[in-house]
Structure formats: C-alpha cells, structure tokens
Protein backbone atom coordinates (compact mmCIF):
# COMPACT_ATOMS: atom_id res chain seq x y z
CA UNK A 1 -2.25 -16.12 -19.60
CA UNK A 2 -0.85 -17.70 -22.78
CA UNK A 3 -1.78 -14.57 -24.71
CA UNK A 4 0.21 -12.54 -22.16
CA UNK A 5 3.20 -14.76 -22.80
CA UNK A 6 3.28 -13.69 -26.46
CA UNK A 7 4.15 -10.17 -25.25
CA UNK A 8 7.90 -9.66 -24.55
CA UNK A 9 7.56 -9.28 -20.78
CA UNK A 10 8.89 -11.20 -17.81
CA UNK A 11 6.57 -10.04 -15.05
CA UNK A 12 2.99 -9.23 -14.12
CA UNK A 13 2.22 -6.48 -11.62
CA UNK A 14 -1.05 -6.35 -9.67
CA UNK A 15 -2.46 -3.36 -7.86
CA UNK A 16 -2.88 -3.72 -4.10
CA UNK A 17 -4.86 -6.90 -3.51
CA UNK A 18 -6.24 -6.34 0.00
CA UNK A 19 -9.91 -5.82 0.85
CA UNK A 20 -11.15 -2.29 0.17
CA UNK A 21 -13.72 -0.06 1.84
CA UNK A 22 -17.22 -0.60 0.38
CA UNK A 23 -18.64 2.01 -2.03
CA UNK A 24 -21.09 3.39 0.54
CA UNK A 25 -18.19 4.49 2.75
CA UNK A 26 -16.91 6.97 0.19
CA UNK A 27 -20.30 8.67 0.06
CA UNK A 28 -20.56 8.76 -3.74
CA UNK A 29 -17.02 10.07 -4.22
CA UNK A 30 -15.69 6.97 -5.95
CA UNK A 31 -15.16 3.23 -5.62
CA UNK A 32 -11.97 1.58 -4.41
CA UNK A 33 -11.48 -0.66 -7.46
CA UNK A 34 -7.88 0.54 -7.74
CA UNK A 35 -6.72 -0.99 -4.44
CA UNK A 36 -5.52 2.07 -2.53
CA UNK A 37 -8.41 2.49 -0.07
CA UNK A 38 -7.85 -0.51 2.20
CA UNK A 39 -10.14 -1.71 4.96
CA UNK A 40 -8.62 -5.10 5.88
CA UNK A 41 -5.00 -5.92 5.05
CA UNK A 42 -5.48 -9.61 5.88
CA UNK A 43 -8.31 -10.26 3.39
CA UNK A 44 -8.23 -10.16 -0.38
CA UNK A 45 -10.27 -7.87 -2.60
CA UNK A 46 -13.08 -10.20 -3.77
CA UNK A 47 -13.20 -8.36 -7.11
CA UNK A 48 -9.85 -9.99 -7.86
CA UNK A 49 -10.92 -13.47 -6.77
CA UNK A 50 -9.94 -15.50 -3.72
CA UNK A 51 -6.77 -16.97 -2.24
CA UNK A 52 -6.94 -19.99 -4.51
CA UNK A 53 -7.18 -17.74 -7.58
CA UNK A 54 -4.12 -15.74 -6.57
CA UNK A 55 -2.12 -18.87 -5.82
CA UNK A 56 -3.10 -20.29 -9.21
CA UNK A 57 -1.98 -17.09 -10.93
CA UNK A 58 1.34 -17.16 -9.09
CA UNK A 59 1.94 -20.79 -10.05
CA UNK A 60 0.91 -20.19 -13.66
CA UNK A 61 3.36 -17.30 -13.95
CA UNK A 62 6.16 -19.33 -12.44
CA UNK A 63 5.53 -22.22 -14.84
CA UNK A 64 6.05 -19.75 -17.69
CA UNK A 65 9.23 -18.26 -16.20
CA UNK A 66 7.42 -15.04 -15.35
CA UNK A 67 7.50 -13.02 -12.13
CA UNK A 68 4.69 -11.75 -9.90
CA UNK A 69 4.87 -8.22 -8.51
CA UNK A 70 2.39 -6.77 -6.04
CA UNK A 71 1.60 -3.18 -5.20
CA UNK A 72 1.49 -2.44 -1.46
CA UNK A 73 0.38 0.73 0.34
CA UNK A 74 1.11 0.52 4.08
CA UNK A 75 0.92 4.30 4.48
CA UNK A 76 -2.84 4.64 4.79
CA UNK A 77 -6.27 3.05 4.82
CA UNK A 78 -9.39 4.15 2.93
CA UNK A 79 -12.42 6.17 4.05
CA UNK A 80 -15.01 8.72 3.10
CA UNK A 81 -15.22 12.12 4.84
CA UNK A 82 -13.17 12.48 8.03
CA UNK A 83 -16.33 13.07 10.07
CA UNK A 84 -17.71 9.65 9.06
CA UNK A 85 -14.68 7.45 9.77
CA UNK A 86 -15.39 4.33 11.80
CA UNK A 87 -12.00 3.14 13.02
CA UNK A 88 -13.40 -0.11 14.40
CA UNK A 89 -13.98 -1.30 10.82
CA UNK A 90 -10.26 -1.37 10.01
CA UNK A 91 -8.29 -4.59 10.32
CA UNK A 92 -5.93 -4.66 12.11
CA UNK A 93 -5.90 -0.89 12.84
CA UNK A 94 -9.24 -0.77 14.68
CA UNK A 95 -8.47 2.16 16.98
CA UNK A 96 -7.51 5.83 16.40
CA UNK A 97 -4.27 5.24 18.31
CA UNK A 98 -2.92 3.41 15.27
CA UNK A 99 -3.20 6.55 13.14
CA UNK A 100 -1.79 10.04 13.05
CA UNK A 101 -4.37 12.71 14.00
CA UNK A 102 -6.39 13.89 10.97
CA UNK A 103 -4.68 16.85 9.33
CA UNK A 104 -4.76 17.18 5.55
CA UNK A 105 -2.90 20.48 5.10
CA UNK A 106 0.45 19.16 3.91
CA UNK A 107 3.07 21.70 2.81
CA UNK A 108 4.64 20.36 -0.39
CA UNK A 109 6.42 23.46 -1.66
CA UNK A 110 8.88 23.67 -0.13
CA UNK A 111 8.42 20.12 1.18
CA UNK A 112 7.81 19.85 4.91
CA UNK A 113 8.92 16.25 5.44
CA UNK A 114 7.37 15.94 8.89
CA UNK A 115 3.99 16.95 7.52
CA UNK A 116 4.42 14.73 4.48
CA UNK A 117 5.06 11.75 6.74
CA UNK A 118 2.52 12.44 9.48
CA UNK A 119 -0.39 14.30 7.87
CA UNK A 120 -3.13 12.64 5.83
CA UNK A 121 -3.55 12.66 2.07
CA UNK A 122 -6.94 12.92 0.38
CA UNK A 123 -9.80 15.32 1.01
CA UNK A 124 -11.46 15.85 4.39
CA UNK A 125 -14.93 16.18 2.85
CA UNK A 126 -14.86 13.38 0.26
CA UNK A 127 -12.18 10.70 0.53
CA UNK A 128 -9.71 11.14 3.38
CA UNK A 129 -6.99 8.50 3.76
CA UNK A 130 -6.27 7.78 7.45
CA UNK A 131 -2.50 7.89 7.88
CA UNK A 132 -1.15 4.79 9.61
CA UNK A 133 1.22 5.78 12.42
CA UNK A 134 4.44 4.02 11.55
CA UNK A 135 6.15 5.52 14.57
CA UNK A 136 4.23 3.05 16.79
CA UNK A 137 6.33 -0.13 17.33
CA UNK A 138 3.26 -2.39 17.29
CA UNK A 139 2.24 -1.02 13.91
CA UNK A 140 5.73 -1.34 12.44
CA UNK A 141 6.24 -4.91 13.63
CA UNK A 142 2.80 -5.92 12.36
CA UNK A 143 3.56 -4.54 8.90
CA UNK A 144 6.94 -6.27 8.73
CA UNK A 145 5.35 -9.61 9.59
CA UNK A 146 2.44 -8.98 7.22
CA UNK A 147 4.63 -8.31 4.19
CA UNK A 148 6.85 -11.32 4.89
CA UNK A 149 3.86 -13.63 5.16
CA UNK A 150 2.17 -12.14 2.08
CA UNK A 151 5.28 -12.67 -0.04
CA UNK A 152 5.81 -16.21 1.22
CA UNK A 153 2.18 -17.30 0.89
CA UNK A 154 1.68 -16.19 -2.70
CA UNK A 155 5.19 -16.62 -4.06
CA UNK A 156 5.64 -12.91 -4.76
CA UNK A 157 8.83 -11.94 -6.61
CA UNK A 158 8.80 -8.17 -6.21
CA UNK A 159 6.97 -5.19 -4.75
CA UNK A 160 5.92 -1.76 -5.95
CA UNK A 161 5.82 0.49 -2.86
CA UNK A 162 3.14 3.17 -2.91
CA UNK A 163 3.48 6.65 -1.33
CA UNK A 164 7.09 6.10 -0.26
CA UNK A 165 7.74 9.74 0.65
CA UNK A 166 4.85 9.64 3.14
CA UNK A 167 6.62 7.22 5.51
CA UNK A 168 9.94 7.79 7.26
CA UNK A 169 13.03 6.25 5.64
CA UNK A 170 14.02 3.80 8.41
CA UNK A 171 10.64 2.06 8.08
CA UNK A 172 11.19 1.28 4.41
CA UNK A 173 14.67 -0.13 4.86
CA UNK A 174 13.43 -2.81 7.27
CA UNK A 175 10.18 -3.33 5.36
CA UNK A 176 12.10 -4.21 2.22
CA UNK A 177 14.41 -6.49 4.17
CA UNK A 178 11.42 -8.22 5.81
CA UNK A 179 9.85 -8.87 2.40
CA UNK A 180 12.96 -10.62 1.13
CA UNK A 181 12.28 -9.60 -2.47
CA UNK A 182 13.07 -6.85 -4.96
CA UNK A 183 11.22 -3.59 -4.34
CA UNK A 184 10.80 -0.30 -6.17
CA UNK A 185 9.10 2.75 -4.72
CA UNK A 186 6.93 5.62 -5.90
CA UNK A 187 8.07 9.11 -4.88
CA UNK A 188 5.65 11.59 -6.44
CA UNK A 189 7.60 14.79 -7.06
CA UNK A 190 9.02 16.80 -9.93
CA UNK A 191 12.11 17.72 -7.91
CA UNK A 192 14.99 15.47 -8.99
CA UNK A 193 16.96 15.98 -5.79
CA UNK A 194 13.93 15.17 -3.65
CA UNK A 195 13.03 12.08 -5.68
CA UNK A 196 16.61 10.85 -5.36
CA UNK A 197 16.29 10.60 -1.57
CA UNK A 198 14.62 7.22 -1.93
CA UNK A 199 17.40 5.45 -3.80
CA UNK A 200 19.37 4.29 -0.78
CA UNK A 201 16.38 2.98 1.12
CA UNK A 202 14.86 0.80 -1.59
CA UNK A 203 18.09 -0.90 -2.64
C-alpha cells in the first residue's frame, strides 16, 4: 500500500469482487479470475480475500486520502455452454425467469439496441453469459438495493459500470442514483455517436 502511495494516483480500482463460477463450470474454456462471470452477487471472490480484507483495504486507502473504485457487472452472470447451465446455482437469480431467453446472435452493425439489451453475450458452446432480465421489477429493485448496500458496507467512492450498452438507459440512471457515488460506464463501440449515448445517463 505504501509503495502504491509513491505513485501519483488518488484512487485504486478493483475488478468485480463477487463470487465467480468455479473453473469446472466453464468446461476448460477459462477461469473467472477477472470477475465478470458471477455466480453469487452477495459473496466475495475468495481469491481476493474476505470481507475483513476488503474493509481493511478501504480503510487503508481512506487513511492515505485515496479513493476506492469497484467494477460492477449487473448485466449478466457466468456459465459454461448454454446446454449445461444450472440456474439454481445463481444467487439471487436462481430461476430462468430472472433471465432473458438464451439468444447469442446480436446484431451490432448496424446496432440493434433491443438485441444488444436482451440477447446474451459470450459463446453458446464455451462460455455463455446469462443475460439478467432488467425489465423485471423484482430484479431491478434487488440490484438497486444491492449496489447501495455494497457501497455503504465497504466505503466505496466510485463505480466502473461494465457492459453499459447491454442494459436499457432508465435502469442505469436509477442504479447510479441508488449507489450514491460517482460512476463511469463502459460502452464498447468505435462509433462516436453511439458511444455518446451514455453520457446523460451516467452523470
């Protein structure tokens, strides 16, 4: 930590910290060390330590006048091939009704926004990412409460929002408000006009 403080930076950003699917789920197609293949949004990834470790990091950063940013990816969970998905393993989304139906044929050029928001990303035969249905009120309200509690519990100062273009705009506006902290979002596209669509919903 003190070595980090010799670098001219004011913040530390962590990848998504929630519990990931185990390696056997992805059927040899990779391991979810990066944080984007979630299994349980209420538990921490043990590879990063436990709750006490994260609280200690947050407090250590604050004592050095540094900020803590977390990456969050409410758009999807992790899995292996579509045919092998066991929805009951997901927490809290333990039923297919919490997800959009599996369809991975998104039209990106030109962008079909409905498909981008409601179809799955990933590969049906290796690592498919079940798309959380953020049109379901129960899902939306759960995510708003989850992010508020996560920020409050660990003293988070800011968020990096993953896969922003894959969730409808109104969701993000209230998600950011629920968090109560600064947020910046990832919109993966080379089209300047398309990327610009996210400005008003993250501010």
